[in-house]
Amino acid sequence: MLVVLFAITLTGAAAAAIYGGDGSDEAVAPPGEQVVQVPTAPDPLVVRVDGPGSATVGQPVELSVTYSDGSGIFSGTSEEWGDGIGASSIREGQCTAAAPAPDALADTYGLTHTWTEPGTYTVAVGVTSYSCREGAAVQEKATETLTVKVFAG
């Protein structure tokens, strides 16, 4: 997701004319002029993974995954467990007339995994969304990692 941010700094008479002479942040336009509100960009896609930092070989471990996106269309998840096992449900975004409109996303889901060997594993969990821009799907992916130390049973 491409986000362009800019700021304009006003000082002296220009600041007083736009923001009022009393030092408040309330926007006030001079008579006959309008204040233009610049829209803020939606929050980016973020993901958080909560789970234990240690586990025992042969015992399932549960992770909780929470994600949110200020504006997007959900397109899937992925996980890599650090032991050669992984999965992905990410699908290509489709920007057609029937494509859903982007909206704020937020959800929580659970994952379970069992390691068969002791060791230290880096788990990577990702969530992907997309937006349609000029007829093309623009994907946004957020990934978080968690290190799990697996001990012999």
N, C-alpha and C. Protein backbone atom coordinates (compact mmCIF):
# COMPACT_ATOMS: atom_id res chain seq x y z
N MET A 1 0.86 -1.16 0.00
CA MET A 1 0.00 0.00 0.00
C MET A 1 0.91 1.22 0.00
N LEU A 2 0.73 2.09 -0.95
CA LEU A 2 1.50 3.33 -1.04
C LEU A 2 0.75 4.41 -0.30
N VAL A 3 1.43 5.04 0.65
CA VAL A 3 0.83 6.11 1.42
C VAL A 3 1.73 7.33 1.29
N VAL A 4 1.17 8.44 0.88
CA VAL A 4 1.92 9.67 0.74
C VAL A 4 1.44 10.62 1.82
N LEU A 5 2.37 11.06 2.63
CA LEU A 5 2.03 11.99 3.69
C LEU A 5 2.79 13.29 3.45
N PHE A 6 2.19 14.41 3.79
CA PHE A 6 2.87 15.68 3.67
C PHE A 6 2.38 16.59 4.78
N ALA A 7 3.17 17.56 5.06
CA ALA A 7 2.81 18.52 6.10
C ALA A 7 3.09 19.92 5.59
N ILE A 8 2.27 20.84 6.02
CA ILE A 8 2.48 22.24 5.69
C ILE A 8 2.58 22.98 7.01
N THR A 9 3.64 23.74 7.15
CA THR A 9 3.83 24.52 8.37
C THR A 9 3.51 25.97 8.07
N LEU A 10 2.61 26.52 8.85
CA LEU A 10 2.23 27.91 8.69
C LEU A 10 2.73 28.69 9.89
N THR A 11 3.23 29.88 9.63
CA THR A 11 3.69 30.73 10.72
C THR A 11 3.14 32.13 10.55
N GLY A 12 3.24 32.90 11.57
CA GLY A 12 2.88 34.32 11.51
C GLY A 12 1.44 34.55 11.13
N ALA A 13 1.23 35.49 10.18
CA ALA A 13 -0.11 35.90 9.79
C ALA A 13 -0.88 34.77 9.13
N ALA A 14 -0.18 33.91 8.37
CA ALA A 14 -0.87 32.79 7.72
C ALA A 14 -1.44 31.84 8.75
N ALA A 15 -0.67 31.53 9.78
CA ALA A 15 -1.15 30.64 10.84
C ALA A 15 -2.30 31.29 11.59
N ALA A 16 -2.20 32.57 11.87
CA ALA A 16 -3.26 33.27 12.59
C ALA A 16 -4.53 33.30 11.76
N ALA A 17 -4.39 33.46 10.42
CA ALA A 17 -5.56 33.52 9.56
C ALA A 17 -6.26 32.17 9.49
N ILE A 18 -5.50 31.07 9.49
CA ILE A 18 -6.09 29.74 9.36
C ILE A 18 -6.53 29.21 10.72
N TYR A 19 -5.67 29.34 11.72
CA TYR A 19 -5.94 28.74 13.02
C TYR A 19 -6.46 29.71 14.06
N GLY A 20 -6.64 30.93 13.71
CA GLY A 20 -7.15 31.89 14.68
C GLY A 20 -6.01 32.51 15.46
N GLY A 21 -6.20 33.67 15.94
CA GLY A 21 -5.14 34.40 16.63
C GLY A 21 -4.99 34.04 18.08
N ASP A 22 -5.85 33.15 18.61
CA ASP A 22 -5.79 32.85 20.04
C ASP A 22 -4.87 31.68 20.38
N GLY A 23 -4.17 31.10 19.38
CA GLY A 23 -3.25 30.00 19.64
C GLY A 23 -3.92 28.64 19.71
N SER A 24 -5.24 28.57 19.51
CA SER A 24 -5.92 27.27 19.55
C SER A 24 -5.64 26.52 18.25
N ASP A 25 -5.89 25.22 18.28
CA ASP A 25 -5.70 24.40 17.09
C ASP A 25 -6.97 24.30 16.24
N GLU A 26 -8.03 24.98 16.64
CA GLU A 26 -9.26 24.92 15.88
C GLU A 26 -9.08 25.71 14.59
N ALA A 27 -9.40 25.05 13.47
CA ALA A 27 -9.23 25.70 12.18
C ALA A 27 -10.34 26.73 11.98
N VAL A 28 -9.94 27.92 11.61
CA VAL A 28 -10.88 29.02 11.38
C VAL A 28 -10.49 29.66 10.05
N ALA A 29 -11.42 29.73 9.14
CA ALA A 29 -11.12 30.35 7.85
C ALA A 29 -11.47 31.82 7.89
N PRO A 30 -10.68 32.64 7.20
CA PRO A 30 -11.04 34.05 7.08
C PRO A 30 -12.39 34.16 6.38
N PRO A 31 -13.10 35.24 6.58
CA PRO A 31 -14.42 35.40 5.93
C PRO A 31 -14.32 35.17 4.43
N GLY A 32 -15.25 34.38 3.90
CA GLY A 32 -15.31 34.13 2.46
C GLY A 32 -14.40 32.99 2.00
N GLU A 33 -13.63 32.37 2.89
CA GLU A 33 -12.75 31.26 2.49
C GLU A 33 -13.14 30.01 3.27
N GLN A 34 -12.82 28.85 2.71
CA GLN A 34 -13.12 27.58 3.36
C GLN A 34 -11.84 26.90 3.81
N VAL A 35 -11.93 26.20 4.93
CA VAL A 35 -10.81 25.39 5.39
C VAL A 35 -10.94 24.03 4.72
N VAL A 36 -9.87 23.57 4.10
CA VAL A 36 -9.87 22.27 3.44
C VAL A 36 -9.26 21.26 4.40
N GLN A 37 -10.03 20.23 4.75
CA GLN A 37 -9.53 19.17 5.61
C GLN A 37 -8.81 18.14 4.75
N VAL A 38 -7.56 17.84 5.08
CA VAL A 38 -6.79 16.84 4.35
C VAL A 38 -7.10 15.49 4.98
N PRO A 39 -7.60 14.52 4.19
CA PRO A 39 -7.93 13.22 4.76
C PRO A 39 -6.66 12.50 5.22
N THR A 40 -6.79 11.76 6.29
CA THR A 40 -5.66 10.98 6.77
C THR A 40 -5.68 9.62 6.10
N ALA A 41 -4.51 9.05 5.92
CA ALA A 41 -4.39 7.73 5.31
C ALA A 41 -4.91 6.68 6.29
N PRO A 42 -5.55 5.62 5.79
CA PRO A 42 -6.01 4.57 6.69
C PRO A 42 -4.82 3.87 7.35
N ASP A 43 -5.07 3.30 8.51
CA ASP A 43 -4.00 2.56 9.19
C ASP A 43 -3.53 1.41 8.32
N PRO A 44 -2.22 1.10 8.37
CA PRO A 44 -1.69 -0.01 7.57
C PRO A 44 -2.08 -1.36 8.17
N LEU A 45 -1.89 -2.41 7.40
CA LEU A 45 -2.12 -3.77 7.86
C LEU A 45 -1.08 -4.12 8.92
N VAL A 46 -1.53 -4.61 10.06
CA VAL A 46 -0.63 -5.05 11.12
C VAL A 46 -1.09 -6.41 11.63
N VAL A 47 -0.14 -7.21 12.11
CA VAL A 47 -0.45 -8.52 12.66
C VAL A 47 0.32 -8.69 13.97
N ARG A 48 -0.32 -9.34 14.94
CA ARG A 48 0.33 -9.63 16.22
C ARG A 48 0.12 -11.11 16.52
N VAL A 49 1.21 -11.76 16.97
CA VAL A 49 1.17 -13.18 17.31
C VAL A 49 1.50 -13.33 18.78
N ASP A 50 0.61 -14.00 19.51
CA ASP A 50 0.84 -14.27 20.92
C ASP A 50 0.91 -15.78 21.12
N GLY A 51 1.92 -16.20 21.87
CA GLY A 51 2.08 -17.62 22.17
C GLY A 51 3.24 -17.83 23.11
N PRO A 52 3.44 -19.07 23.53
CA PRO A 52 4.52 -19.34 24.48
C PRO A 52 5.89 -19.26 23.82
N GLY A 53 6.89 -18.95 24.62
CA GLY A 53 8.26 -18.91 24.13
C GLY A 53 8.95 -20.26 24.21
N SER A 54 8.26 -21.25 24.82
CA SER A 54 8.84 -22.59 24.92
C SER A 54 7.74 -23.63 24.76
N ALA A 55 8.17 -24.84 24.42
CA ALA A 55 7.25 -25.95 24.19
C ALA A 55 7.99 -27.26 24.45
N THR A 56 7.24 -28.35 24.43
CA THR A 56 7.80 -29.68 24.62
C THR A 56 7.54 -30.49 23.36
N VAL A 57 8.53 -31.26 22.92
CA VAL A 57 8.38 -32.12 21.75
C VAL A 57 7.12 -32.98 21.92
N GLY A 58 6.33 -33.06 20.87
CA GLY A 58 5.14 -33.90 20.88
C GLY A 58 3.91 -33.27 21.50
N GLN A 59 4.03 -32.08 22.09
CA GLN A 59 2.89 -31.41 22.72
C GLN A 59 2.44 -30.24 21.83
N PRO A 60 1.15 -30.15 21.51
CA PRO A 60 0.68 -29.05 20.66
C PRO A 60 0.84 -27.69 21.34
N VAL A 61 1.18 -26.71 20.54
CA VAL A 61 1.32 -25.33 20.99
C VAL A 61 0.26 -24.51 20.26
N GLU A 62 -0.41 -23.65 21.02
CA GLU A 62 -1.44 -22.80 20.43
C GLU A 62 -0.95 -21.36 20.36
N LEU A 63 -1.15 -20.73 19.19
CA LEU A 63 -0.83 -19.32 18.99
C LEU A 63 -2.13 -18.57 18.71
N SER A 64 -2.18 -17.32 19.14
CA SER A 64 -3.31 -16.45 18.84
C SER A 64 -2.79 -15.36 17.89
N VAL A 65 -3.47 -15.19 16.77
CA VAL A 65 -3.08 -14.21 15.76
C VAL A 65 -4.18 -13.16 15.66
N THR A 66 -3.79 -11.90 15.78
CA THR A 66 -4.72 -10.78 15.65
C THR A 66 -4.21 -9.87 14.55
N TYR A 67 -5.11 -9.45 13.66
CA TYR A 67 -4.70 -8.52 12.61
C TYR A 67 -5.74 -7.43 12.45
N SER A 68 -5.28 -6.31 11.88
CA SER A 68 -6.19 -5.21 11.55
C SER A 68 -5.61 -4.44 10.36
N ASP A 69 -6.52 -3.86 9.61
CA ASP A 69 -6.14 -3.07 8.44
C ASP A 69 -7.16 -1.95 8.32
N GLY A 70 -6.68 -0.73 8.17
CA GLY A 70 -7.57 0.42 8.07
C GLY A 70 -8.45 0.39 6.84
N SER A 71 -7.98 -0.23 5.76
CA SER A 71 -8.75 -0.32 4.53
C SER A 71 -8.13 -1.39 3.65
N GLY A 72 -8.87 -2.44 3.41
CA GLY A 72 -8.36 -3.51 2.56
C GLY A 72 -9.39 -4.60 2.41
N ILE A 73 -9.06 -5.56 1.56
CA ILE A 73 -9.88 -6.74 1.32
C ILE A 73 -9.02 -7.93 1.72
N PHE A 74 -9.48 -8.72 2.68
CA PHE A 74 -8.72 -9.86 3.18
C PHE A 74 -8.43 -10.84 2.05
N SER A 75 -7.17 -11.30 1.96
CA SER A 75 -6.86 -12.27 0.91
C SER A 75 -6.09 -13.49 1.41
N GLY A 76 -5.91 -13.64 2.73
CA GLY A 76 -5.36 -14.90 3.23
C GLY A 76 -4.29 -14.75 4.29
N THR A 77 -3.83 -15.92 4.76
CA THR A 77 -2.81 -15.99 5.80
C THR A 77 -1.73 -16.97 5.38
N SER A 78 -0.60 -16.89 6.08
CA SER A 78 0.47 -17.86 5.86
C SER A 78 1.18 -18.10 7.19
N GLU A 79 1.75 -19.28 7.32
CA GLU A 79 2.57 -19.57 8.49
C GLU A 79 3.70 -20.51 8.11
N GLU A 80 4.85 -20.24 8.67
CA GLU A 80 6.04 -21.08 8.53
C GLU A 80 6.46 -21.40 9.96
N TRP A 81 6.58 -22.67 10.29
CA TRP A 81 6.83 -23.09 11.67
C TRP A 81 8.31 -23.25 11.99
N GLY A 82 9.19 -23.05 11.02
CA GLY A 82 10.63 -23.13 11.26
C GLY A 82 11.19 -24.54 11.19
N ASP A 83 10.32 -25.53 10.99
CA ASP A 83 10.76 -26.92 10.91
C ASP A 83 10.47 -27.54 9.54
N GLY A 84 10.31 -26.69 8.53
CA GLY A 84 10.03 -27.17 7.18
C GLY A 84 8.55 -27.33 6.90
N ILE A 85 7.71 -27.05 7.87
CA ILE A 85 6.27 -27.16 7.69
C ILE A 85 5.69 -25.75 7.61
N GLY A 86 4.80 -25.56 6.66
CA GLY A 86 4.16 -24.25 6.49
C GLY A 86 2.88 -24.41 5.71
N ALA A 87 2.12 -23.35 5.66
CA ALA A 87 0.86 -23.36 4.92
C ALA A 87 0.54 -21.93 4.50
N SER A 88 -0.27 -21.83 3.45
CA SER A 88 -0.69 -20.53 2.98
C SER A 88 -2.08 -20.64 2.37
N SER A 89 -2.93 -19.66 2.69
CA SER A 89 -4.25 -19.57 2.07
C SER A 89 -4.37 -18.30 1.25
N ILE A 90 -3.23 -17.66 0.93
CA ILE A 90 -3.25 -16.38 0.21
C ILE A 90 -3.70 -16.61 -1.22
N ARG A 91 -4.68 -15.82 -1.64
CA ARG A 91 -5.16 -15.90 -3.01
C ARG A 91 -4.98 -14.53 -3.68
N GLU A 92 -4.85 -14.56 -4.96
CA GLU A 92 -4.66 -13.33 -5.74
C GLU A 92 -5.91 -12.47 -5.67
N GLY A 93 -5.72 -11.18 -5.45
CA GLY A 93 -6.85 -10.25 -5.43
C GLY A 93 -7.44 -10.09 -6.82
N GLN A 94 -8.74 -9.93 -6.89
CA GLN A 94 -9.44 -9.76 -8.16
C GLN A 94 -10.13 -8.40 -8.17
N CYS A 95 -9.72 -7.55 -9.07
CA CYS A 95 -10.31 -6.21 -9.17
C CYS A 95 -11.25 -6.16 -10.37
N THR A 96 -12.48 -6.56 -10.12
CA THR A 96 -13.53 -6.54 -11.13
C THR A 96 -14.66 -5.65 -10.61
N ALA A 97 -15.65 -5.46 -11.42
CA ALA A 97 -16.80 -4.66 -10.99
C ALA A 97 -17.48 -5.30 -9.78
N ALA A 98 -17.36 -6.63 -9.63
CA ALA A 98 -17.99 -7.33 -8.52
C ALA A 98 -17.08 -7.43 -7.29
N ALA A 99 -15.88 -6.89 -7.36
CA ALA A 99 -14.95 -6.97 -6.23
C ALA A 99 -15.52 -6.21 -5.04
N PRO A 100 -15.34 -6.76 -3.84
CA PRO A 100 -15.85 -6.04 -2.67
C PRO A 100 -15.10 -4.72 -2.48
N ALA A 101 -15.77 -3.76 -1.88
CA ALA A 101 -15.12 -2.49 -1.58
C ALA A 101 -14.20 -2.67 -0.37
N PRO A 102 -13.03 -2.01 -0.36
CA PRO A 102 -12.16 -2.11 0.80
C PRO A 102 -12.85 -1.56 2.04
N ASP A 103 -12.57 -2.16 3.15
CA ASP A 103 -13.19 -1.75 4.40
C ASP A 103 -12.17 -2.01 5.51
N ALA A 104 -12.43 -1.50 6.68
CA ALA A 104 -11.57 -1.78 7.81
C ALA A 104 -11.70 -3.26 8.17
N LEU A 105 -10.55 -3.91 8.38
CA LEU A 105 -10.52 -5.34 8.73
C LEU A 105 -9.99 -5.50 10.13
N ALA A 106 -10.49 -6.50 10.84
CA ALA A 106 -9.94 -6.86 12.14
C ALA A 106 -10.46 -8.24 12.49
N ASP A 107 -9.56 -9.11 12.95
CA ASP A 107 -10.00 -10.45 13.34
C ASP A 107 -8.91 -11.10 14.19
N THR A 108 -9.30 -12.16 14.86
CA THR A 108 -8.38 -12.98 15.65
C THR A 108 -8.66 -14.43 15.30
N TYR A 109 -7.61 -15.21 15.15
CA TYR A 109 -7.77 -16.63 14.89
C TYR A 109 -6.66 -17.40 15.59
N GLY A 110 -6.83 -18.69 15.73
CA GLY A 110 -5.85 -19.52 16.42
C GLY A 110 -5.14 -20.47 15.49
N LEU A 111 -3.90 -20.81 15.84
CA LEU A 111 -3.10 -21.78 15.12
C LEU A 111 -2.55 -22.79 16.13
N THR A 112 -2.40 -24.02 15.71
CA THR A 112 -1.83 -25.06 16.58
C THR A 112 -0.75 -25.80 15.79
N HIS A 113 0.38 -26.09 16.47
CA HIS A 113 1.47 -26.83 15.83
C HIS A 113 2.16 -27.70 16.88
N THR A 114 2.70 -28.84 16.43
CA THR A 114 3.45 -29.75 17.29
C THR A 114 4.80 -30.00 16.64
N TRP A 115 5.88 -29.72 17.36
CA TRP A 115 7.22 -30.00 16.87
C TRP A 115 7.63 -31.42 17.25
N THR A 116 8.41 -32.06 16.37
CA THR A 116 8.84 -33.44 16.60
C THR A 116 10.29 -33.55 17.05
N GLU A 117 11.03 -32.45 17.01
CA GLU A 117 12.43 -32.44 17.41
C GLU A 117 12.70 -31.24 18.32
N PRO A 118 13.58 -31.40 19.32
CA PRO A 118 13.95 -30.24 20.13
C PRO A 118 14.76 -29.25 19.30
N GLY A 119 14.73 -27.99 19.71
CA GLY A 119 15.48 -26.95 19.02
C GLY A 119 14.83 -25.60 19.22
N THR A 120 15.42 -24.60 18.58
CA THR A 120 14.87 -23.24 18.62
C THR A 120 14.32 -22.95 17.24
N TYR A 121 13.05 -22.60 17.19
CA TYR A 121 12.34 -22.41 15.92
C TYR A 121 11.81 -20.98 15.82
N THR A 122 11.96 -20.40 14.63
CA THR A 122 11.39 -19.09 14.36
C THR A 122 10.11 -19.30 13.56
N VAL A 123 9.00 -18.90 14.15
CA VAL A 123 7.70 -19.03 13.52
C VAL A 123 7.37 -17.70 12.86
N ALA A 124 6.98 -17.73 11.59
CA ALA A 124 6.59 -16.51 10.87
C ALA A 124 5.12 -16.64 10.46
N VAL A 125 4.30 -15.68 10.90
CA VAL A 125 2.88 -15.67 10.57
C VAL A 125 2.59 -14.41 9.78
N GLY A 126 1.92 -14.56 8.66
CA GLY A 126 1.60 -13.42 7.81
C GLY A 126 0.12 -13.33 7.49
N VAL A 127 -0.33 -12.12 7.26
CA VAL A 127 -1.70 -11.84 6.81
C VAL A 127 -1.58 -10.92 5.60
N THR A 128 -2.42 -11.17 4.60
CA THR A 128 -2.37 -10.38 3.37
C THR A 128 -3.75 -9.79 3.06
N SER A 129 -3.74 -8.55 2.62
CA SER A 129 -4.96 -7.90 2.13
C SER A 129 -4.60 -7.21 0.81
N TYR A 130 -5.60 -6.72 0.12
CA TYR A 130 -5.32 -5.98 -1.11
C TYR A 130 -6.34 -4.86 -1.29
N SER A 131 -5.97 -3.90 -2.12
CA SER A 131 -6.84 -2.81 -2.53
C SER A 131 -6.78 -2.73 -4.05
N CYS A 132 -7.83 -2.27 -4.65
CA CYS A 132 -7.86 -2.10 -6.11
C CYS A 132 -7.48 -0.66 -6.44
N ARG A 133 -6.44 -0.53 -7.25
CA ARG A 133 -5.98 0.79 -7.68
C ARG A 133 -5.83 0.76 -9.20
N GLU A 134 -6.61 1.60 -9.85
CA GLU A 134 -6.59 1.69 -11.31
C GLU A 134 -6.79 0.32 -11.94
N GLY A 135 -7.70 -0.48 -11.35
CA GLY A 135 -8.06 -1.79 -11.88
C GLY A 135 -7.11 -2.92 -11.53
N ALA A 136 -6.04 -2.63 -10.80
CA ALA A 136 -5.07 -3.68 -10.44
C ALA A 136 -5.09 -3.91 -8.93
N ALA A 137 -4.91 -5.18 -8.54
CA ALA A 137 -4.85 -5.53 -7.12
C ALA A 137 -3.47 -5.20 -6.57
N VAL A 138 -3.43 -4.39 -5.51
CA VAL A 138 -2.19 -4.03 -4.85
C VAL A 138 -2.21 -4.71 -3.48
N GLN A 139 -1.30 -5.69 -3.31
CA GLN A 139 -1.28 -6.45 -2.07
C GLN A 139 -0.49 -5.75 -0.98
N GLU A 140 -0.93 -5.99 0.25
CA GLU A 140 -0.22 -5.53 1.42
C GLU A 140 -0.09 -6.74 2.34
N LYS A 141 1.13 -7.01 2.80
CA LYS A 141 1.36 -8.17 3.67
C LYS A 141 2.05 -7.69 4.94
N ALA A 142 1.58 -8.20 6.07
CA ALA A 142 2.21 -7.94 7.35
C ALA A 142 2.61 -9.29 7.94
N THR A 143 3.82 -9.36 8.47
CA THR A 143 4.34 -10.60 9.05
C THR A 143 4.92 -10.32 10.42
N GLU A 144 4.70 -11.23 11.34
CA GLU A 144 5.34 -11.15 12.65
C GLU A 144 5.98 -12.50 12.95
N THR A 145 7.13 -12.46 13.61
CA THR A 145 7.81 -13.69 13.97
C THR A 145 7.80 -13.89 15.48
N LEU A 146 7.90 -15.15 15.87
CA LEU A 146 7.92 -15.55 17.27
C LEU A 146 8.95 -16.67 17.38
N THR A 147 9.85 -16.59 18.36
CA THR A 147 10.83 -17.65 18.57
C THR A 147 10.34 -18.58 19.66
N VAL A 148 10.36 -19.88 19.36
CA VAL A 148 9.91 -20.90 20.31
C VAL A 148 11.04 -21.89 20.55
N LYS A 149 11.42 -22.06 21.80
CA LYS A 149 12.43 -23.04 22.20
C LYS A 149 11.69 -24.33 22.56
N VAL A 150 11.98 -25.41 21.82
CA VAL A 150 11.30 -26.71 22.02
C VAL A 150 12.24 -27.65 22.74
N PHE A 151 11.79 -28.15 23.89
CA PHE A 151 12.59 -29.04 24.73
C PHE A 151 12.16 -30.49 24.54
N ALA A 152 13.10 -31.42 24.76
CA ALA A 152 12.79 -32.84 24.70
C ALA A 152 11.78 -33.19 25.79
N GLY A 153 10.94 -34.17 25.52
CA GLY A 153 9.88 -34.55 26.46
C GLY A 153 10.27 -35.38 27.59
